[in-house]
Amino acid sequence: MQSYNLSNLNILILENNKLIRRLMSTVFHEFGVRKGQKTGDPEDAFEMFTSNTPDIIISDWSPELDGIEFVKRVRSAPDSPDPFVPIIICTGNTEKRHVSTARDAGMTEFLVKPVSAKPIYSRIVAVIEHNRRFVRNHNFFGPDRRRRVLPGLAVERRRMLRASALC
């Protein structure tokens, strides 16, 4: 994995659990990150986001903290200073439907709890190395949900749809 100088990164951590918040803060400090804020309250996090726009947001999603609503607010609120900011959802919700819900809300990356330094770093690297285009339509704004483009798939699918419409 590529090694990056993260000392100029500004991180916002929204995490309900104080211990995990402290752990993440320590991990980022070890990565060389010197600027950041952390909170367990989505309202405080949005205020921090608007007053000191971070480069990356790490957001919890648990029964106690609705990180999905926070992501939607960052992506679509009229007063959002940077709706394009990378957002990493950090959760214990690992079922496919949870990943899809987070993706459809506009998250950039997904991180499964319990967390440790290596997966956190790998998500930061993914954000750096795989800067995805953003898509906007009537019910979605966020990074392009397609992770890979399969050659000819979209064209072939259109042909199949046209052919079935003609039958």
Protein backbone atom coordinates (compact mmCIF):
# COMPACT_ATOMS: atom_id res chain seq x y z
CA MET A 1 0.00 0.00 0.00
CA GLN A 2 1.22 3.48 -0.90
CA SER A 3 2.52 5.60 1.96
CA TYR A 4 1.21 9.17 2.15
CA ASN A 5 2.08 12.23 4.19
CA LEU A 6 -1.20 12.94 5.99
CA SER A 7 0.08 15.80 8.15
CA ASN A 8 -1.98 18.43 6.31
CA LEU A 9 -5.22 16.50 6.47
CA ASN A 10 -8.11 17.89 8.49
CA ILE A 11 -10.35 15.10 9.84
CA LEU A 12 -13.82 15.28 11.40
CA ILE A 13 -14.83 12.27 13.50
CA LEU A 14 -18.50 11.79 14.37
CA GLU A 15 -18.58 8.79 16.70
CA ASN A 16 -21.07 7.97 19.45
CA ASN A 17 -18.68 5.87 21.54
CA LYS A 18 -16.16 8.00 23.44
CA LEU A 19 -13.58 5.19 23.54
CA ILE A 20 -13.72 4.62 19.76
CA ARG A 21 -13.57 8.40 19.22
CA ARG A 22 -10.41 8.54 21.30
CA LEU A 23 -8.97 5.48 19.52
CA MET A 24 -9.57 7.02 16.08
CA SER A 25 -8.10 10.31 17.18
CA THR A 26 -4.99 8.51 18.43
CA VAL A 27 -4.71 6.51 15.21
CA PHE A 28 -4.92 9.67 13.10
CA HIS A 29 -2.33 11.33 15.31
CA GLU A 30 -0.02 8.34 14.70
CA PHE A 31 -0.65 8.77 10.94
CA GLY A 32 0.68 12.32 11.29
CA VAL A 33 -2.68 14.10 11.11
CA ARG A 34 -2.46 17.24 13.24
CA LYS A 35 -5.80 18.90 12.49
CA GLY A 36 -9.11 17.44 13.42
CA GLN A 37 -12.22 17.59 15.47
CA LYS A 38 -14.34 14.93 17.10
CA THR A 39 -17.79 14.73 18.61
CA GLY A 40 -20.57 12.31 19.40
CA ASP A 41 -23.36 14.69 18.37
CA PRO A 42 -24.51 15.08 14.72
CA GLU A 43 -25.57 18.72 15.28
CA ASP A 44 -22.17 19.61 16.70
CA ALA A 45 -20.51 17.70 13.85
CA PHE A 46 -22.43 19.69 11.24
CA GLU A 47 -21.51 22.94 12.97
CA MET A 48 -17.84 21.84 13.02
CA PHE A 49 -18.16 20.88 9.35
CA THR A 50 -19.56 24.28 8.35
CA SER A 51 -17.09 26.31 10.43
CA ASN A 52 -13.92 24.35 9.67
CA THR A 53 -14.45 22.31 6.51
CA PRO A 54 -12.57 19.01 6.91
CA ASP A 55 -10.87 17.06 4.15
CA ILE A 56 -12.44 13.77 5.28
CA ILE A 57 -15.33 12.87 7.58
CA ILE A 58 -15.52 9.61 9.52
CA SER A 59 -19.11 9.04 10.63
CA ASP A 60 -20.54 6.44 12.96
CA TRP A 61 -23.80 4.74 12.08
CA SER A 62 -25.37 2.94 15.00
CA PRO A 63 -28.72 2.72 16.78
CA GLU A 64 -27.57 5.61 18.98
CA LEU A 65 -26.26 7.81 16.15
CA ASP A 66 -27.86 8.14 12.72
CA GLY A 67 -24.83 8.68 10.53
CA ILE A 68 -26.93 8.14 7.41
CA GLU A 69 -28.98 11.28 8.08
CA PHE A 70 -25.74 13.14 8.75
CA VAL A 71 -24.34 12.02 5.38
CA LYS A 72 -27.53 13.11 3.62
CA ARG A 73 -27.33 16.50 5.32
CA VAL A 74 -23.69 17.01 4.33
CA ARG A 75 -24.51 16.05 0.74
CA SER A 76 -27.73 18.03 0.29
CA ALA A 77 -28.14 20.84 2.85
CA PRO A 78 -28.21 24.30 1.27
CA ASP A 79 -25.68 25.50 3.87
CA SER A 80 -23.26 22.60 3.28
CA PRO A 81 -19.87 24.17 2.55
CA ASP A 82 -18.55 21.08 0.71
CA PRO A 83 -21.06 18.45 -0.42
CA PHE A 84 -18.18 16.66 -2.20
CA VAL A 85 -16.19 15.92 0.98
CA PRO A 86 -15.24 12.24 1.28
CA ILE A 87 -17.29 10.51 3.98
CA ILE A 88 -16.32 7.17 5.48
CA ILE A 89 -19.14 5.39 7.30
CA CYS A 90 -17.83 3.42 10.28
CA THR A 91 -20.31 0.89 11.59
CA GLY A 92 -20.96 -2.56 12.94
CA ASN A 93 -23.86 -2.87 10.48
CA THR A 94 -22.28 -5.29 8.01
CA GLU A 95 -25.20 -6.80 6.15
CA LYS A 96 -25.42 -6.10 2.43
CA ARG A 97 -28.56 -3.98 2.94
CA HIS A 98 -26.65 -1.74 5.36
CA VAL A 99 -23.81 -1.25 2.88
CA SER A 100 -26.38 -0.43 0.19
CA THR A 101 -28.17 2.04 2.47
CA ALA A 102 -24.91 3.83 3.25
CA ARG A 103 -23.90 3.83 -0.41
CA ASP A 104 -27.29 5.19 -1.46
CA ALA A 105 -27.04 7.95 1.15
CA GLY A 106 -23.81 9.18 -0.47
CA MET A 107 -20.98 7.68 1.57
CA THR A 108 -17.59 7.40 -0.09
CA GLU A 109 -16.15 4.42 1.78
CA PHE A 110 -17.35 1.85 4.32
CA LEU A 111 -15.41 0.80 7.42
CA VAL A 112 -16.49 -2.11 9.62
CA LYS A 113 -16.17 -2.05 13.39
CA PRO A 114 -14.24 -3.05 15.33
CA VAL A 115 -11.66 -0.74 13.79
CA SER A 116 -7.90 -0.78 13.82
CA ALA A 117 -5.19 1.32 12.22
CA LYS A 118 -4.69 -0.72 9.04
CA PRO A 119 -8.32 -0.65 7.77
CA ILE A 120 -8.62 3.03 8.67
CA TYR A 121 -5.48 3.79 6.68
CA SER A 122 -6.66 1.66 3.75
CA ARG A 123 -9.92 3.66 3.53
CA ILE A 124 -7.96 6.94 3.59
CA VAL A 125 -5.75 5.61 0.79
CA ALA A 126 -8.85 4.52 -1.16
CA VAL A 127 -10.24 8.06 -0.87
CA ILE A 128 -6.93 9.51 -2.09
CA GLU A 129 -6.29 7.07 -4.92
CA HIS A 130 -9.82 6.49 -6.21
CA ASN A 131 -11.38 9.90 -6.48
CA ARG A 132 -14.81 9.04 -7.89
CA ARG A 133 -17.03 11.28 -9.94
CA PHE A 134 -20.15 12.61 -8.26
CA VAL A 135 -23.63 11.93 -9.58
CA ARG A 136 -26.70 14.06 -9.05
CA ASN A 137 -30.27 13.15 -9.94
CA HIS A 138 -33.68 13.72 -8.39
CA ASN A 139 -33.12 11.31 -5.47
CA PHE A 140 -29.35 10.92 -5.11
CA PHE A 141 -26.24 13.03 -4.76
CA GLY A 142 -22.90 11.47 -3.99
CA PRO A 143 -19.98 9.52 -5.37
CA ASP A 144 -20.73 7.35 -8.37
CA ARG A 145 -21.96 4.11 -6.81
CA ARG A 146 -20.36 1.97 -9.49
CA ARG A 147 -16.95 0.80 -8.29
CA ARG A 148 -15.90 -0.65 -11.61
CA VAL A 149 -16.86 -0.40 -15.23
CA LEU A 150 -17.24 -3.68 -17.03
CA PRO A 151 -16.40 -3.27 -20.72
CA GLY A 152 -19.50 -3.32 -22.89
CA LEU A 153 -21.90 -4.01 -20.04
CA ALA A 154 -23.91 -0.79 -20.32
CA VAL A 155 -24.09 -1.03 -24.11
CA GLU A 156 -25.03 -4.69 -24.02
CA ARG A 157 -27.71 -4.03 -21.43
CA ARG A 158 -29.23 -1.26 -23.57
CA ARG A 159 -29.25 -3.56 -26.58
CA MET A 160 -30.99 -6.25 -24.55
CA LEU A 161 -33.60 -3.76 -23.32
CA ARG A 162 -34.23 -2.51 -26.87
CA ALA A 163 -34.48 -6.05 -28.20
CA SER A 164 -36.96 -7.05 -25.50
CA ALA A 165 -39.02 -3.93 -26.20
CA LEU A 166 -39.29 -4.91 -29.87
CA CYS A 167 -40.64 -8.40 -29.09
